[in-house]
C-alpha cells in the first residue's frame, strides 16, 4: 500500500512538473525566429536578386529570379544558427543595450561572447531606430579554432521597412577557412535586391 501511494505521488509530480525548457526565460533576442519571419517575408515578395561571389579571387555573378525560402535560408544560415537562448549559453554573453551608433541616427544592442563561452558565435549586433522593434541592420560574427581547422565568418544584413514589412535591402557575408593539410579559402558574397 505504501509503495502504491509513493508511486501515485511520483506520477502526480511528474505530470504537473513544468518542462525544463519552459522554465528558462529568453534572455537574448530570439534571432532564429526573427530570421525565419524575414525569410517568409522575403519569399512572399519573390524578389529578383543579384548575388556576387568571390572565392580565393575568382568572381562570379548570378541573378536569382523570384528568390524563395531555400535561397534565403542558405544566405541567412549564420543568423538561423545563432541561438543564444540555449540553456548552456544563458550567462555566456555580455549585453550592451541602447548604445548610440557613431555617425548615424541608429542605436545598437551588442552581445559579445565571454572568453569562457562554449559557442562559436562571437558577437551579434542589432542596429535600430528608436526601439529594437525597428531593426535596420544585423551583424553576426562566428569563429572556430581548433587543431584541425580554423574558420571565421561574418554576415551583415541591412533591412528596410517597406509598407509595414521588414525586407532585406542587401546582405554581405565574408569569411575564411583553413583546414590542416588543405589550402585556405577566403570568400565573400554580396546579395543585392534588383
Protein backbone atom coordinates (compact mmCIF):
# COMPACT_ATOMS: atom_id res chain seq x y z
CA UNK A 1 0.00 0.00 0.00
CA UNK A 2 2.81 2.38 0.92
CA UNK A 3 4.55 1.71 -2.43
CA UNK A 4 1.33 2.39 -4.31
CA UNK A 5 0.96 5.74 -2.50
CA UNK A 6 4.57 6.72 -3.32
CA UNK A 7 4.10 5.68 -6.94
CA UNK A 8 0.88 7.72 -7.14
CA UNK A 9 2.65 10.81 -5.71
CA UNK A 10 5.58 10.42 -8.12
CA UNK A 11 3.24 10.10 -11.11
CA UNK A 12 1.32 13.19 -9.96
CA UNK A 13 4.54 15.20 -9.58
CA UNK A 14 5.79 14.01 -12.99
CA UNK A 15 2.54 15.06 -14.68
CA UNK A 16 2.47 18.53 -13.14
CA UNK A 17 6.14 19.45 -13.31
CA UNK A 18 6.82 22.07 -15.98
CA UNK A 19 9.17 21.20 -18.79
CA UNK A 20 12.73 22.41 -18.13
CA UNK A 21 12.84 24.30 -21.45
CA UNK A 22 9.81 26.37 -20.41
CA UNK A 23 11.48 27.37 -17.13
CA UNK A 24 14.27 29.20 -18.94
CA UNK A 25 13.35 32.75 -19.80
CA UNK A 26 14.72 34.01 -23.10
CA UNK A 27 17.43 36.41 -22.05
CA UNK A 28 18.65 37.32 -25.51
CA UNK A 29 16.87 38.43 -28.67
CA UNK A 30 15.41 35.38 -30.48
CA UNK A 31 17.40 35.81 -33.69
CA UNK A 32 16.50 32.43 -35.28
CA UNK A 33 12.74 33.14 -35.01
CA UNK A 34 13.19 36.69 -36.26
CA UNK A 35 15.27 35.43 -39.19
CA UNK A 36 12.65 32.81 -40.04
CA UNK A 37 9.98 35.53 -40.25
CA UNK A 38 12.26 37.60 -42.52
CA UNK A 39 12.76 34.54 -44.75
CA UNK A 40 8.98 34.12 -45.03
CA UNK A 41 8.51 37.79 -45.93
CA UNK A 42 11.32 37.71 -48.50
CA UNK A 43 9.87 34.55 -50.06
CA UNK A 44 6.40 36.07 -50.35
CA UNK A 45 7.87 39.14 -52.07
CA UNK A 46 9.56 36.87 -54.68
CA UNK A 47 12.27 39.43 -55.31
CA UNK A 48 14.90 39.19 -58.01
CA UNK A 49 18.38 39.37 -56.53
CA UNK A 50 21.91 39.70 -57.82
CA UNK A 51 24.48 37.58 -55.98
CA UNK A 52 28.17 38.42 -56.40
CA UNK A 53 30.61 35.84 -55.02
CA UNK A 54 34.40 35.86 -54.71
CA UNK A 55 36.27 32.71 -53.64
CA UNK A 56 40.06 32.99 -53.47
CA UNK A 57 39.96 35.81 -56.01
CA UNK A 58 37.64 34.08 -58.52
CA UNK A 59 34.49 36.13 -59.14
CA UNK A 60 31.02 35.00 -60.14
CA UNK A 61 27.73 36.85 -60.60
CA UNK A 62 24.35 35.19 -60.66
CA UNK A 63 20.81 36.57 -60.95
CA UNK A 64 18.23 34.72 -58.87
CA UNK A 65 14.71 35.29 -60.21
CA UNK A 66 11.90 35.16 -57.63
CA UNK A 67 14.09 34.24 -54.67
CA UNK A 68 12.45 31.58 -52.50
CA UNK A 69 12.75 30.39 -48.90
CA UNK A 70 15.55 27.90 -49.63
CA UNK A 71 17.66 30.67 -51.20
CA UNK A 72 17.17 32.95 -48.18
CA UNK A 73 17.68 30.14 -45.65
CA UNK A 74 21.04 29.39 -47.27
CA UNK A 75 22.10 33.04 -47.32
CA UNK A 76 20.94 33.61 -43.72
CA UNK A 77 22.21 30.31 -42.29
CA UNK A 78 24.52 32.03 -39.79
CA UNK A 79 21.59 34.03 -38.37
CA UNK A 80 19.35 30.96 -38.22
CA UNK A 81 22.01 29.06 -36.26
CA UNK A 82 22.79 31.93 -33.84
CA UNK A 83 20.54 30.79 -30.99
CA UNK A 84 21.94 32.37 -27.83
CA UNK A 85 18.95 31.27 -25.72
CA UNK A 86 20.19 27.71 -25.29
CA UNK A 87 20.39 26.82 -21.58
CA UNK A 88 24.19 26.45 -21.66
CA UNK A 89 24.58 30.00 -23.05
CA UNK A 90 22.42 31.88 -20.52
CA UNK A 91 25.47 33.56 -18.95
CA UNK A 92 27.88 33.33 -21.89
CA UNK A 93 27.46 36.85 -23.32
CA UNK A 94 27.78 40.42 -22.17
CA UNK A 95 24.98 42.75 -23.25
CA UNK A 96 25.33 46.43 -24.15
CA UNK A 97 21.92 47.98 -24.82
CA UNK A 98 20.78 51.25 -26.42
CA UNK A 99 24.33 52.27 -27.39
CA UNK A 100 24.43 55.34 -29.64
CA UNK A 101 25.87 54.48 -33.04
CA UNK A 102 28.73 56.69 -34.19
CA UNK A 103 28.00 58.74 -37.35
CA UNK A 104 24.36 57.60 -37.66
CA UNK A 105 20.93 58.05 -36.13
CA UNK A 106 20.79 54.40 -35.06
CA UNK A 107 21.07 52.80 -31.64
CA UNK A 108 22.52 49.35 -31.14
CA UNK A 109 22.46 46.35 -28.84
CA UNK A 110 25.60 44.23 -28.78
CA UNK A 111 26.01 40.66 -27.48
CA UNK A 112 29.67 39.71 -27.04
CA UNK A 113 30.81 36.20 -26.06
CA UNK A 114 32.80 35.93 -22.86
CA UNK A 115 36.19 34.21 -23.17
CA UNK A 116 34.72 31.17 -21.37
CA UNK A 117 31.72 30.86 -23.72
CA UNK A 118 31.37 27.49 -25.40
CA UNK A 119 29.87 28.91 -28.56
CA UNK A 120 31.22 29.71 -31.99
CA UNK A 121 29.01 32.84 -32.16
CA UNK A 122 31.42 35.54 -31.01
CA UNK A 123 29.32 38.67 -31.46
CA UNK A 124 25.87 39.83 -32.54
CA UNK A 125 24.93 43.47 -33.16
CA UNK A 126 21.44 44.81 -33.77
CA UNK A 127 21.17 48.37 -35.05
CA UNK A 128 17.76 50.01 -34.86
CA UNK A 129 15.89 53.30 -34.88
CA UNK A 130 14.25 54.35 -31.59
CA UNK A 131 13.39 50.81 -30.41
CA UNK A 132 14.69 47.27 -31.04
CA UNK A 133 11.46 46.54 -32.94
CA UNK A 134 12.75 48.86 -35.69
CA UNK A 135 15.83 46.84 -36.67
CA UNK A 136 17.77 48.17 -39.66
CA UNK A 137 20.98 46.13 -39.51
CA UNK A 138 22.15 42.83 -38.04
CA UNK A 139 25.78 41.73 -37.82
CA UNK A 140 26.71 38.20 -36.71
CA UNK A 141 30.31 37.07 -36.28
CA UNK A 142 31.37 33.49 -35.67
CA UNK A 143 34.76 31.86 -35.25
CA UNK A 144 36.00 28.33 -34.64
CA UNK A 145 39.61 27.46 -33.91
CA UNK A 146 40.96 24.03 -33.08
CA UNK A 147 43.86 21.79 -34.08
CA UNK A 148 42.15 20.58 -37.28
CA UNK A 149 40.61 23.74 -38.72
CA UNK A 150 40.06 27.44 -38.22
CA UNK A 151 37.10 29.43 -39.53
CA UNK A 152 35.83 32.97 -39.30
CA UNK A 153 32.64 34.28 -40.85
CA UNK A 154 30.54 37.39 -40.57
CA UNK A 155 27.18 38.25 -42.08
CA UNK A 156 25.87 41.82 -42.34
CA UNK A 157 22.17 42.24 -43.17
CA UNK A 158 20.56 45.58 -43.99
CA UNK A 159 16.77 45.79 -43.56
CA UNK A 160 14.21 48.36 -44.61
CA UNK A 161 10.58 48.82 -43.61
CA UNK A 162 8.60 48.84 -46.84
CA UNK A 163 4.85 49.40 -46.37
CA UNK A 164 4.97 47.90 -42.86
CA UNK A 165 7.04 44.85 -43.84
CA UNK A 166 10.71 44.38 -42.99
CA UNK A 167 12.60 43.32 -46.10
CA UNK A 168 16.28 42.80 -46.76
CA UNK A 169 17.93 45.54 -48.85
CA UNK A 170 21.25 43.72 -49.06
CA UNK A 171 23.50 41.31 -47.24
CA UNK A 172 27.21 40.66 -47.23
CA UNK A 173 28.94 37.52 -45.97
CA UNK A 174 32.71 37.29 -45.64
CA UNK A 175 34.85 34.51 -44.29
CA UNK A 176 37.99 32.48 -44.07
CA UNK A 177 38.51 28.70 -43.72
CA UNK A 178 41.76 26.88 -43.07
CA UNK A 179 41.86 23.11 -42.66
CA UNK A 180 45.03 21.25 -41.83
CA UNK A 181 46.78 19.89 -44.96
CA UNK A 182 44.49 21.88 -47.30
CA UNK A 183 44.75 25.31 -48.86
CA UNK A 184 42.99 28.12 -47.08
CA UNK A 185 39.87 29.68 -48.57
CA UNK A 186 38.85 33.35 -48.42
CA UNK A 187 35.36 34.13 -49.62
CA UNK A 188 32.74 36.84 -49.77
CA UNK A 189 29.28 37.16 -51.21
CA UNK A 190 27.01 40.12 -51.67
CA UNK A 191 23.29 39.84 -52.31
CA UNK A 192 21.56 42.90 -53.72
CA UNK A 193 17.87 43.36 -54.47
CA UNK A 194 17.35 44.25 -58.15
